[in-house]
Amino acid sequence: MKKKSYHYSNFSKDELNELLEKSKNGESQSFTSLSSIIREISFTYFESKYKLGKLNSTDDAEDLAQNIYITFSKQYQNIDKIEFWLRKVLFLTFVNFYKKNQKQNHFEFNEEFYEQKEESDFGENVDTQKIVEIINQLDEKKQTIIKLRFWGGLKFSEIAEKIEGNEPAVKKMFYRTIEELKKKL
C-alpha cells in the first residue's frame, strides 16, 4: 500500500522536512525557502479563517501569519517533524487569538446618555456629605469603582486594570451604583 503524500503549495511534507534539515545544518538558502513556505502556508490558513468569518480582517490573517513565521524562526532548530509542528502552532495560534478576540467583543454602554441624565437629575444643591456617607455604606468593590472614577479621574479601562476586572463589568457596576445612590438620595 502506497503512503499518501501531502502537498502544501507545490511542496510535499518530505521536501519540507528536507528543507528543515538543511536549515538546521546552516544552509541559509534552505532556511529562506522554508521560511517563505511557512509564511505562505500560514497566511493561506488564516485567510481561510477570515473567509469563514472567524477573523475580522485580512490584516489579522497577515499578523497571525507573521507570528507563525517569528515562532518558526525561533524554534526551527528544535522542530522534528515540520508538518506536526505547523499544524499544532497554526491551530493554537488561531484558538488563542479567537478566544482573546471574543473576550474583547463586548457591548459598549453609551456614556453620553448617562452623563446627560445625571445632569438633569442632580441639582446644584446636592449634599456632598450625605453622598460620601452613602458611598461609605456600599460594598468595597463599588466604593473603589466610584472613588477611582470621580476622585481618581480614571477611565473605566484603568479602573478595570486596578481591580483586575473587565471594562464592561466595571462600567455596568458603576452605572448601577450611580442609580443606587440616586435612589438613596
N, C-alpha and C. Protein backbone atom coordinates (compact mmCIF):
# COMPACT_ATOMS: atom_id res chain seq x y z
N MET A 1 0.85 -1.17 0.00
CA MET A 1 0.00 0.00 0.00
C MET A 1 0.89 1.24 0.00
N LYS A 2 0.67 2.11 -0.93
CA LYS A 2 1.46 3.32 -1.07
C LYS A 2 0.97 4.39 -0.09
N LYS A 3 1.91 5.02 0.61
CA LYS A 3 1.57 6.06 1.56
C LYS A 3 1.23 7.34 0.81
N LYS A 4 0.16 8.01 1.21
CA LYS A 4 -0.29 9.22 0.55
C LYS A 4 0.67 10.37 0.88
N SER A 5 1.02 11.13 -0.11
CA SER A 5 1.91 12.27 0.07
C SER A 5 1.07 13.55 0.13
N TYR A 6 1.25 14.31 1.18
CA TYR A 6 0.51 15.56 1.34
C TYR A 6 1.32 16.69 0.72
N HIS A 7 0.63 17.60 0.08
CA HIS A 7 1.30 18.73 -0.55
C HIS A 7 0.80 20.03 0.03
N TYR A 8 1.72 20.93 0.28
CA TYR A 8 1.41 22.29 0.69
C TYR A 8 2.00 23.19 -0.39
N SER A 9 1.21 23.87 -1.14
CA SER A 9 1.68 24.84 -2.13
C SER A 9 2.82 24.31 -2.99
N ASN A 10 2.68 23.19 -3.62
CA ASN A 10 3.69 22.59 -4.50
C ASN A 10 4.86 21.95 -3.76
N PHE A 11 4.76 21.72 -2.47
CA PHE A 11 5.82 21.05 -1.72
C PHE A 11 5.22 19.90 -0.95
N SER A 12 5.91 18.76 -0.99
CA SER A 12 5.45 17.63 -0.18
C SER A 12 6.01 17.78 1.22
N LYS A 13 5.46 17.05 2.16
CA LYS A 13 5.98 17.12 3.53
C LYS A 13 7.41 16.62 3.58
N ASP A 14 7.77 15.68 2.70
CA ASP A 14 9.15 15.20 2.67
C ASP A 14 10.10 16.31 2.24
N GLU A 15 9.68 17.08 1.24
CA GLU A 15 10.51 18.21 0.78
C GLU A 15 10.64 19.27 1.87
N LEU A 16 9.56 19.49 2.60
CA LEU A 16 9.61 20.46 3.71
C LEU A 16 10.56 19.97 4.80
N ASN A 17 10.48 18.67 5.12
CA ASN A 17 11.38 18.12 6.14
C ASN A 17 12.84 18.18 5.68
N GLU A 18 13.06 17.98 4.38
CA GLU A 18 14.43 18.07 3.85
C GLU A 18 14.95 19.51 3.97
N LEU A 19 14.11 20.48 3.63
CA LEU A 19 14.49 21.89 3.79
C LEU A 19 14.78 22.22 5.26
N LEU A 20 13.97 21.65 6.15
CA LEU A 20 14.18 21.87 7.59
C LEU A 20 15.55 21.34 8.01
N GLU A 21 15.88 20.12 7.60
CA GLU A 21 17.16 19.54 7.98
C GLU A 21 18.33 20.36 7.43
N LYS A 22 18.21 20.80 6.18
CA LYS A 22 19.26 21.63 5.60
C LYS A 22 19.37 22.96 6.36
N SER A 23 18.23 23.51 6.78
CA SER A 23 18.23 24.76 7.54
C SER A 23 18.94 24.58 8.87
N LYS A 24 18.65 23.46 9.52
CA LYS A 24 19.29 23.16 10.80
C LYS A 24 20.81 23.02 10.65
N ASN A 25 21.23 22.57 9.46
CA ASN A 25 22.66 22.40 9.20
C ASN A 25 23.33 23.69 8.72
N GLY A 26 22.59 24.77 8.72
CA GLY A 26 23.19 26.07 8.42
C GLY A 26 23.05 26.56 7.00
N GLU A 27 22.30 25.90 6.16
CA GLU A 27 22.11 26.36 4.79
C GLU A 27 21.10 27.51 4.77
N SER A 28 21.60 28.72 4.57
CA SER A 28 20.73 29.89 4.64
C SER A 28 19.70 29.93 3.52
N GLN A 29 20.03 29.43 2.34
CA GLN A 29 19.07 29.41 1.23
C GLN A 29 17.89 28.49 1.57
N SER A 30 18.17 27.37 2.19
CA SER A 30 17.10 26.44 2.60
C SER A 30 16.22 27.09 3.67
N PHE A 31 16.85 27.79 4.61
CA PHE A 31 16.08 28.48 5.66
C PHE A 31 15.18 29.55 5.04
N THR A 32 15.72 30.31 4.10
CA THR A 32 14.94 31.36 3.43
C THR A 32 13.76 30.74 2.68
N SER A 33 14.01 29.67 1.96
CA SER A 33 12.94 29.00 1.21
C SER A 33 11.88 28.45 2.15
N LEU A 34 12.32 27.77 3.19
CA LEU A 34 11.38 27.18 4.14
C LEU A 34 10.58 28.26 4.87
N SER A 35 11.23 29.34 5.24
CA SER A 35 10.53 30.45 5.91
C SER A 35 9.44 31.02 5.03
N SER A 36 9.77 31.18 3.76
CA SER A 36 8.79 31.70 2.80
C SER A 36 7.59 30.76 2.68
N ILE A 37 7.86 29.48 2.63
CA ILE A 37 6.79 28.48 2.52
C ILE A 37 5.94 28.48 3.78
N ILE A 38 6.57 28.53 4.94
CA ILE A 38 5.84 28.56 6.22
C ILE A 38 4.93 29.78 6.25
N ARG A 39 5.45 30.91 5.83
CA ARG A 39 4.68 32.15 5.83
C ARG A 39 3.48 32.03 4.89
N GLU A 40 3.69 31.44 3.70
CA GLU A 40 2.62 31.28 2.72
C GLU A 40 1.54 30.32 3.24
N ILE A 41 1.96 29.20 3.80
CA ILE A 41 1.01 28.23 4.35
C ILE A 41 0.20 28.88 5.48
N SER A 42 0.89 29.61 6.34
CA SER A 42 0.24 30.26 7.48
C SER A 42 -0.78 31.28 7.00
N PHE A 43 -0.39 32.11 6.06
CA PHE A 43 -1.33 33.13 5.57
C PHE A 43 -2.54 32.48 4.93
N THR A 44 -2.32 31.44 4.14
CA THR A 44 -3.43 30.74 3.49
C THR A 44 -4.39 30.16 4.53
N TYR A 45 -3.83 29.60 5.57
CA TYR A 45 -4.65 29.04 6.66
C TYR A 45 -5.49 30.13 7.32
N PHE A 46 -4.85 31.23 7.71
CA PHE A 46 -5.57 32.30 8.40
C PHE A 46 -6.51 33.05 7.47
N GLU A 47 -6.16 33.14 6.21
CA GLU A 47 -7.06 33.76 5.23
C GLU A 47 -8.35 32.95 5.12
N SER A 48 -8.23 31.62 5.19
CA SER A 48 -9.43 30.77 5.14
C SER A 48 -10.30 31.02 6.37
N LYS A 49 -9.67 31.27 7.51
CA LYS A 49 -10.43 31.59 8.73
C LYS A 49 -11.14 32.93 8.57
N TYR A 50 -10.49 33.87 7.89
CA TYR A 50 -11.13 35.17 7.62
C TYR A 50 -12.36 34.97 6.73
N LYS A 51 -12.22 34.16 5.68
CA LYS A 51 -13.33 33.90 4.76
C LYS A 51 -14.49 33.20 5.46
N LEU A 52 -14.18 32.45 6.52
CA LEU A 52 -15.24 31.79 7.29
C LEU A 52 -15.85 32.72 8.34
N GLY A 53 -15.33 33.94 8.44
CA GLY A 53 -15.87 34.91 9.40
C GLY A 53 -15.29 34.77 10.79
N LYS A 54 -14.21 34.02 10.93
CA LYS A 54 -13.61 33.82 12.25
C LYS A 54 -12.57 34.89 12.59
N LEU A 55 -12.10 35.62 11.59
CA LEU A 55 -11.19 36.74 11.78
C LEU A 55 -11.86 37.99 11.22
N ASN A 56 -11.51 39.14 11.78
CA ASN A 56 -12.15 40.39 11.38
C ASN A 56 -11.64 40.96 10.07
N SER A 57 -10.38 40.68 9.73
CA SER A 57 -9.81 41.28 8.53
C SER A 57 -8.64 40.44 8.02
N THR A 58 -8.23 40.75 6.80
CA THR A 58 -7.05 40.09 6.27
C THR A 58 -5.80 40.59 6.98
N ASP A 59 -5.89 41.77 7.59
CA ASP A 59 -4.76 42.26 8.41
C ASP A 59 -4.52 41.32 9.58
N ASP A 60 -5.60 40.82 10.19
CA ASP A 60 -5.45 39.84 11.27
C ASP A 60 -4.76 38.59 10.74
N ALA A 61 -5.17 38.14 9.55
CA ALA A 61 -4.55 36.96 8.95
C ALA A 61 -3.06 37.22 8.70
N GLU A 62 -2.76 38.40 8.22
CA GLU A 62 -1.36 38.78 7.97
C GLU A 62 -0.55 38.80 9.26
N ASP A 63 -1.13 39.40 10.31
CA ASP A 63 -0.44 39.47 11.61
C ASP A 63 -0.20 38.08 12.19
N LEU A 64 -1.20 37.23 12.12
CA LEU A 64 -1.05 35.88 12.66
C LEU A 64 -0.02 35.07 11.86
N ALA A 65 -0.02 35.24 10.55
CA ALA A 65 0.98 34.55 9.72
C ALA A 65 2.38 35.04 10.09
N GLN A 66 2.51 36.32 10.35
CA GLN A 66 3.80 36.87 10.76
C GLN A 66 4.22 36.28 12.10
N ASN A 67 3.28 36.11 13.01
CA ASN A 67 3.58 35.49 14.31
C ASN A 67 4.08 34.06 14.14
N ILE A 68 3.48 33.32 13.22
CA ILE A 68 3.92 31.95 12.95
C ILE A 68 5.35 31.97 12.42
N TYR A 69 5.62 32.88 11.51
CA TYR A 69 6.97 32.99 10.94
C TYR A 69 7.99 33.29 12.04
N ILE A 70 7.67 34.21 12.92
CA ILE A 70 8.58 34.56 14.01
C ILE A 70 8.80 33.36 14.93
N THR A 71 7.72 32.67 15.26
CA THR A 71 7.82 31.48 16.11
C THR A 71 8.70 30.43 15.43
N PHE A 72 8.48 30.23 14.14
CA PHE A 72 9.29 29.26 13.40
C PHE A 72 10.77 29.64 13.45
N SER A 73 11.07 30.91 13.21
CA SER A 73 12.48 31.33 13.18
C SER A 73 13.16 31.15 14.53
N LYS A 74 12.39 31.20 15.61
CA LYS A 74 12.95 30.99 16.95
C LYS A 74 13.08 29.51 17.29
N GLN A 75 12.20 28.66 16.73
CA GLN A 75 12.14 27.27 17.16
C GLN A 75 12.65 26.25 16.14
N TYR A 76 13.02 26.67 14.95
CA TYR A 76 13.28 25.69 13.89
C TYR A 76 14.36 24.67 14.24
N GLN A 77 15.31 25.04 15.06
CA GLN A 77 16.37 24.09 15.45
C GLN A 77 15.82 22.94 16.29
N ASN A 78 14.68 23.15 16.95
CA ASN A 78 14.12 22.13 17.84
C ASN A 78 12.95 21.36 17.22
N ILE A 79 12.60 21.65 15.97
CA ILE A 79 11.47 21.00 15.32
C ILE A 79 11.92 19.68 14.72
N ASP A 80 11.17 18.61 15.03
CA ASP A 80 11.48 17.30 14.46
C ASP A 80 10.72 17.07 13.16
N LYS A 81 9.41 17.21 13.21
CA LYS A 81 8.58 17.00 12.03
C LYS A 81 7.81 18.29 11.76
N ILE A 82 8.14 18.91 10.67
CA ILE A 82 7.59 20.23 10.35
C ILE A 82 6.08 20.21 10.21
N GLU A 83 5.52 19.13 9.64
CA GLU A 83 4.08 19.06 9.44
C GLU A 83 3.33 19.10 10.77
N PHE A 84 3.77 18.29 11.74
CA PHE A 84 3.10 18.26 13.04
C PHE A 84 3.27 19.57 13.78
N TRP A 85 4.48 20.12 13.72
CA TRP A 85 4.74 21.40 14.38
C TRP A 85 3.84 22.48 13.80
N LEU A 86 3.77 22.53 12.47
CA LEU A 86 2.99 23.58 11.80
C LEU A 86 1.50 23.46 12.11
N ARG A 87 0.97 22.24 12.06
CA ARG A 87 -0.46 22.06 12.38
C ARG A 87 -0.76 22.51 13.81
N LYS A 88 0.09 22.11 14.71
CA LYS A 88 -0.11 22.45 16.13
C LYS A 88 -0.04 23.95 16.35
N VAL A 89 0.99 24.58 15.81
CA VAL A 89 1.19 26.02 16.03
C VAL A 89 0.10 26.84 15.35
N LEU A 90 -0.29 26.45 14.14
CA LEU A 90 -1.38 27.16 13.46
C LEU A 90 -2.67 27.09 14.28
N PHE A 91 -3.00 25.89 14.71
CA PHE A 91 -4.24 25.70 15.47
C PHE A 91 -4.21 26.49 16.78
N LEU A 92 -3.13 26.34 17.56
CA LEU A 92 -3.05 27.01 18.85
C LEU A 92 -3.02 28.54 18.72
N THR A 93 -2.33 29.02 17.71
CA THR A 93 -2.28 30.46 17.47
C THR A 93 -3.66 31.00 17.15
N PHE A 94 -4.37 30.28 16.28
CA PHE A 94 -5.72 30.71 15.93
C PHE A 94 -6.65 30.67 17.14
N VAL A 95 -6.63 29.58 17.89
CA VAL A 95 -7.52 29.43 19.04
C VAL A 95 -7.25 30.53 20.07
N ASN A 96 -5.99 30.80 20.37
CA ASN A 96 -5.65 31.85 21.33
C ASN A 96 -6.12 33.22 20.84
N PHE A 97 -5.92 33.51 19.57
CA PHE A 97 -6.36 34.79 19.01
C PHE A 97 -7.88 34.89 19.05
N TYR A 98 -8.55 33.83 18.67
CA TYR A 98 -10.01 33.83 18.61
C TYR A 98 -10.61 34.03 20.01
N LYS A 99 -10.07 33.32 21.00
CA LYS A 99 -10.56 33.47 22.38
C LYS A 99 -10.32 34.88 22.89
N LYS A 100 -9.15 35.40 22.64
CA LYS A 100 -8.82 36.76 23.07
C LYS A 100 -9.76 37.76 22.42
N ASN A 101 -10.02 37.57 21.15
CA ASN A 101 -10.90 38.47 20.41
C ASN A 101 -12.34 38.38 20.91
N GLN A 102 -12.80 37.18 21.25
CA GLN A 102 -14.16 37.00 21.75
C GLN A 102 -14.36 37.75 23.06
N LYS A 103 -13.34 37.75 23.92
CA LYS A 103 -13.44 38.46 25.19
C LYS A 103 -13.52 39.96 24.98
N GLN A 104 -12.89 40.44 23.91
CA GLN A 104 -12.89 41.88 23.65
C GLN A 104 -14.15 42.34 22.96
N ASN A 105 -14.87 41.44 22.31
CA ASN A 105 -16.12 41.82 21.67
C ASN A 105 -17.20 41.91 22.74
N HIS A 106 -17.52 43.11 23.10
CA HIS A 106 -18.49 43.31 24.16
C HIS A 106 -19.38 44.49 23.84
N PHE A 107 -20.45 44.57 24.54
CA PHE A 107 -21.41 45.64 24.37
C PHE A 107 -20.87 46.91 25.02
N GLU A 108 -20.91 48.00 24.30
CA GLU A 108 -20.44 49.29 24.84
C GLU A 108 -21.64 50.08 25.35
N PHE A 109 -21.50 50.60 26.54
CA PHE A 109 -22.51 51.48 27.08
C PHE A 109 -22.36 52.85 26.46
N ASN A 110 -23.45 53.53 26.29
CA ASN A 110 -23.42 54.89 25.78
C ASN A 110 -23.30 55.82 26.98
N GLU A 111 -22.08 56.27 27.26
CA GLU A 111 -21.83 57.10 28.43
C GLU A 111 -22.53 58.45 28.34
N GLU A 112 -22.67 58.98 27.13
CA GLU A 112 -23.31 60.29 26.96
C GLU A 112 -24.74 60.27 27.49
N PHE A 113 -25.45 59.17 27.29
CA PHE A 113 -26.82 59.05 27.77
C PHE A 113 -26.86 59.21 29.29
N TYR A 114 -25.96 58.51 29.97
CA TYR A 114 -25.94 58.57 31.43
C TYR A 114 -25.45 59.91 31.93
N GLU A 115 -24.48 60.51 31.24
CA GLU A 115 -23.98 61.82 31.67
C GLU A 115 -25.06 62.87 31.53
N GLN A 116 -25.83 62.85 30.46
CA GLN A 116 -26.91 63.81 30.28
C GLN A 116 -27.99 63.60 31.33
N LYS A 117 -28.28 62.35 31.61
CA LYS A 117 -29.30 62.02 32.60
C LYS A 117 -28.88 62.51 33.98
N GLU A 118 -27.58 62.33 34.30
CA GLU A 118 -27.08 62.78 35.59
C GLU A 118 -27.24 64.28 35.75
N GLU A 119 -26.94 65.02 34.69
CA GLU A 119 -27.04 66.48 34.76
C GLU A 119 -28.46 66.92 35.01
N SER A 120 -29.43 66.26 34.40
CA SER A 120 -30.81 66.69 34.56
C SER A 120 -31.40 66.23 35.89
N ASP A 121 -30.89 65.14 36.47
CA ASP A 121 -31.45 64.62 37.71
C ASP A 121 -30.85 65.26 38.95
N PHE A 122 -29.59 65.60 38.88
CA PHE A 122 -28.92 66.15 40.06
C PHE A 122 -28.97 67.67 40.03
N GLY A 123 -29.35 68.23 41.15
CA GLY A 123 -29.39 69.68 41.24
C GLY A 123 -28.07 70.23 41.72
N GLU A 124 -28.01 71.53 41.76
CA GLU A 124 -26.80 72.22 42.20
C GLU A 124 -26.59 72.06 43.70
N ASN A 125 -27.65 71.85 44.46
CA ASN A 125 -27.57 71.86 45.92
C ASN A 125 -27.52 70.45 46.53
N VAL A 126 -26.83 69.53 45.92
CA VAL A 126 -26.74 68.18 46.44
C VAL A 126 -25.79 68.20 47.64
N ASP A 127 -26.20 67.53 48.70
CA ASP A 127 -25.40 67.47 49.93
C ASP A 127 -24.27 66.46 49.74
N THR A 128 -23.05 66.97 49.52
CA THR A 128 -21.91 66.09 49.25
C THR A 128 -21.59 65.21 50.45
N GLN A 129 -21.80 65.72 51.66
CA GLN A 129 -21.52 64.91 52.85
C GLN A 129 -22.43 63.69 52.90
N LYS A 130 -23.68 63.86 52.52
CA LYS A 130 -24.61 62.74 52.51
C LYS A 130 -24.20 61.71 51.45
N ILE A 131 -23.73 62.20 50.30
CA ILE A 131 -23.28 61.29 49.24
C ILE A 131 -22.10 60.47 49.73
N VAL A 132 -21.15 61.11 50.39
CA VAL A 132 -19.97 60.41 50.91
C VAL A 132 -20.40 59.36 51.93
N GLU A 133 -21.35 59.68 52.81
CA GLU A 133 -21.84 58.71 53.78
C GLU A 133 -22.48 57.50 53.09
N ILE A 134 -23.26 57.75 52.04
CA ILE A 134 -23.90 56.66 51.32
C ILE A 134 -22.85 55.80 50.61
N ILE A 135 -21.87 56.45 50.01
CA ILE A 135 -20.80 55.71 49.33
C ILE A 135 -20.05 54.83 50.33
N ASN A 136 -19.81 55.32 51.51
CA ASN A 136 -19.10 54.55 52.53
C ASN A 136 -19.90 53.34 53.00
N GLN A 137 -21.19 53.33 52.76
CA GLN A 137 -22.02 52.18 53.12
C GLN A 137 -22.05 51.10 52.03
N LEU A 138 -21.54 51.43 50.86
CA LEU A 138 -21.52 50.47 49.75
C LEU A 138 -20.47 49.39 50.01
N ASP A 139 -20.60 48.27 49.28
CA ASP A 139 -19.56 47.25 49.42
C ASP A 139 -18.25 47.79 48.85
N GLU A 140 -17.16 47.14 49.21
CA GLU A 140 -15.82 47.65 48.91
C GLU A 140 -15.57 47.84 47.42
N LYS A 141 -16.03 46.90 46.61
CA LYS A 141 -15.78 46.98 45.17
C LYS A 141 -16.49 48.19 44.56
N LYS A 142 -17.75 48.42 44.94
CA LYS A 142 -18.50 49.56 44.43
C LYS A 142 -17.85 50.87 44.88
N GLN A 143 -17.42 50.92 46.14
CA GLN A 143 -16.74 52.11 46.65
C GLN A 143 -15.49 52.41 45.84
N THR A 144 -14.72 51.37 45.60
CA THR A 144 -13.47 51.54 44.86
C THR A 144 -13.73 52.09 43.47
N ILE A 145 -14.71 51.54 42.78
CA ILE A 145 -15.02 51.98 41.42
C ILE A 145 -15.47 53.44 41.43
N ILE A 146 -16.37 53.80 42.32
CA ILE A 146 -16.86 55.18 42.40
C ILE A 146 -15.72 56.14 42.73
N LYS A 147 -14.91 55.79 43.72
CA LYS A 147 -13.83 56.68 44.14
C LYS A 147 -12.78 56.84 43.05
N LEU A 148 -12.42 55.75 42.39
CA LEU A 148 -11.41 55.84 41.33
C LEU A 148 -11.93 56.65 40.14
N ARG A 149 -13.23 56.52 39.87
CA ARG A 149 -13.81 57.25 38.72
C ARG A 149 -13.93 58.74 39.03
N PHE A 150 -14.49 59.09 40.19
CA PHE A 150 -14.73 60.50 40.49
C PHE A 150 -13.51 61.19 41.10
N TRP A 151 -12.93 60.61 42.12
CA TRP A 151 -11.82 61.27 42.81
C TRP A 151 -10.47 60.97 42.15
N GLY A 152 -10.36 59.80 41.56
CA GLY A 152 -9.10 59.46 40.89
C GLY A 152 -9.07 59.91 39.44
N GLY A 153 -10.25 60.17 38.88
CA GLY A 153 -10.34 60.62 37.50
C GLY A 153 -9.90 59.56 36.49
N LEU A 154 -9.99 58.29 36.87
CA LEU A 154 -9.54 57.22 36.00
C LEU A 154 -10.60 56.84 34.96
N LYS A 155 -10.13 56.34 33.84
CA LYS A 155 -11.02 55.80 32.82
C LYS A 155 -11.47 54.41 33.26
N PHE A 156 -12.54 53.92 32.65
CA PHE A 156 -13.05 52.60 33.01
C PHE A 156 -12.01 51.50 32.76
N SER A 157 -11.25 51.63 31.68
CA SER A 157 -10.22 50.62 31.39
C SER A 157 -9.15 50.62 32.47
N GLU A 158 -8.79 51.80 32.99
CA GLU A 158 -7.78 51.90 34.04
C GLU A 158 -8.30 51.32 35.36
N ILE A 159 -9.58 51.57 35.63
CA ILE A 159 -10.19 51.01 36.84
C ILE A 159 -10.21 49.48 36.74
N ALA A 160 -10.58 48.98 35.57
CA ALA A 160 -10.62 47.53 35.36
C ALA A 160 -9.26 46.90 35.61
N GLU A 161 -8.20 47.56 35.18
CA GLU A 161 -6.85 47.04 35.42
C GLU A 161 -6.54 47.02 36.92
N LYS A 162 -6.89 48.10 37.61
CA LYS A 162 -6.57 48.20 39.04
C LYS A 162 -7.30 47.15 39.87
N ILE A 163 -8.54 46.88 39.53
CA ILE A 163 -9.30 45.92 40.34
C ILE A 163 -9.30 44.52 39.72
N GLU A 164 -8.52 44.37 38.65
CA GLU A 164 -8.39 43.09 37.96
C GLU A 164 -9.74 42.55 37.49
N GLY A 165 -10.50 43.43 36.85
CA GLY A 165 -11.79 43.06 36.29
C GLY A 165 -11.80 43.39 34.81
N ASN A 166 -12.97 43.29 34.19
CA ASN A 166 -13.03 43.68 32.78
C ASN A 166 -13.83 44.97 32.65
N GLU A 167 -13.53 45.73 31.63
CA GLU A 167 -14.10 47.06 31.45
C GLU A 167 -15.63 47.08 31.39
N PRO A 168 -16.26 46.20 30.62
CA PRO A 168 -17.73 46.23 30.57
C PRO A 168 -18.37 46.00 31.95
N ALA A 169 -17.80 45.10 32.73
CA ALA A 169 -18.36 44.82 34.06
C ALA A 169 -18.18 46.03 34.97
N VAL A 170 -17.05 46.71 34.85
CA VAL A 170 -16.80 47.91 35.67
C VAL A 170 -17.80 49.00 35.31
N LYS A 171 -18.02 49.22 34.01
CA LYS A 171 -18.99 50.24 33.57
C LYS A 171 -20.39 49.92 34.10
N LYS A 172 -20.76 48.66 33.96
CA LYS A 172 -22.10 48.24 34.40
C LYS A 172 -22.27 48.48 35.89
N MET A 173 -21.27 48.07 36.68
CA MET A 173 -21.36 48.26 38.12
C MET A 173 -21.37 49.75 38.47
N PHE A 174 -20.59 50.54 37.77
CA PHE A 174 -20.54 51.99 38.02
C PHE A 174 -21.92 52.62 37.83
N TYR A 175 -22.54 52.36 36.66
CA TYR A 175 -23.82 52.99 36.38
C TYR A 175 -24.94 52.46 37.28
N ARG A 176 -24.89 51.21 37.64
CA ARG A 176 -25.87 50.67 38.58
C ARG A 176 -25.70 51.30 39.97
N THR A 177 -24.45 51.51 40.35
CA THR A 177 -24.18 52.13 41.64
C THR A 177 -24.65 53.58 41.65
N ILE A 178 -24.46 54.28 40.54
CA ILE A 178 -24.97 55.66 40.43
C ILE A 178 -26.48 55.68 40.62
N GLU A 179 -27.17 54.75 39.96
CA GLU A 179 -28.62 54.66 40.13
C GLU A 179 -29.00 54.37 41.56
N GLU A 180 -28.24 53.49 42.21
CA GLU A 180 -28.47 53.15 43.62
C GLU A 180 -28.29 54.40 44.50
N LEU A 181 -27.26 55.18 44.22
CA LEU A 181 -27.01 56.40 45.01
C LEU A 181 -28.14 57.41 44.81
N LYS A 182 -28.62 57.55 43.60
CA LYS A 182 -29.72 58.48 43.32
C LYS A 182 -30.97 58.11 44.12
N LYS A 183 -31.25 56.80 44.18
CA LYS A 183 -32.44 56.36 44.92
C LYS A 183 -32.31 56.64 46.42
N LYS A 184 -31.10 56.48 46.93
CA LYS A 184 -30.87 56.71 48.36
C LYS A 184 -30.88 58.19 48.72
N LEU A 185 -30.64 59.04 47.74
CA LEU A 185 -30.69 60.49 47.99
C LEU A 185 -32.13 60.93 47.94
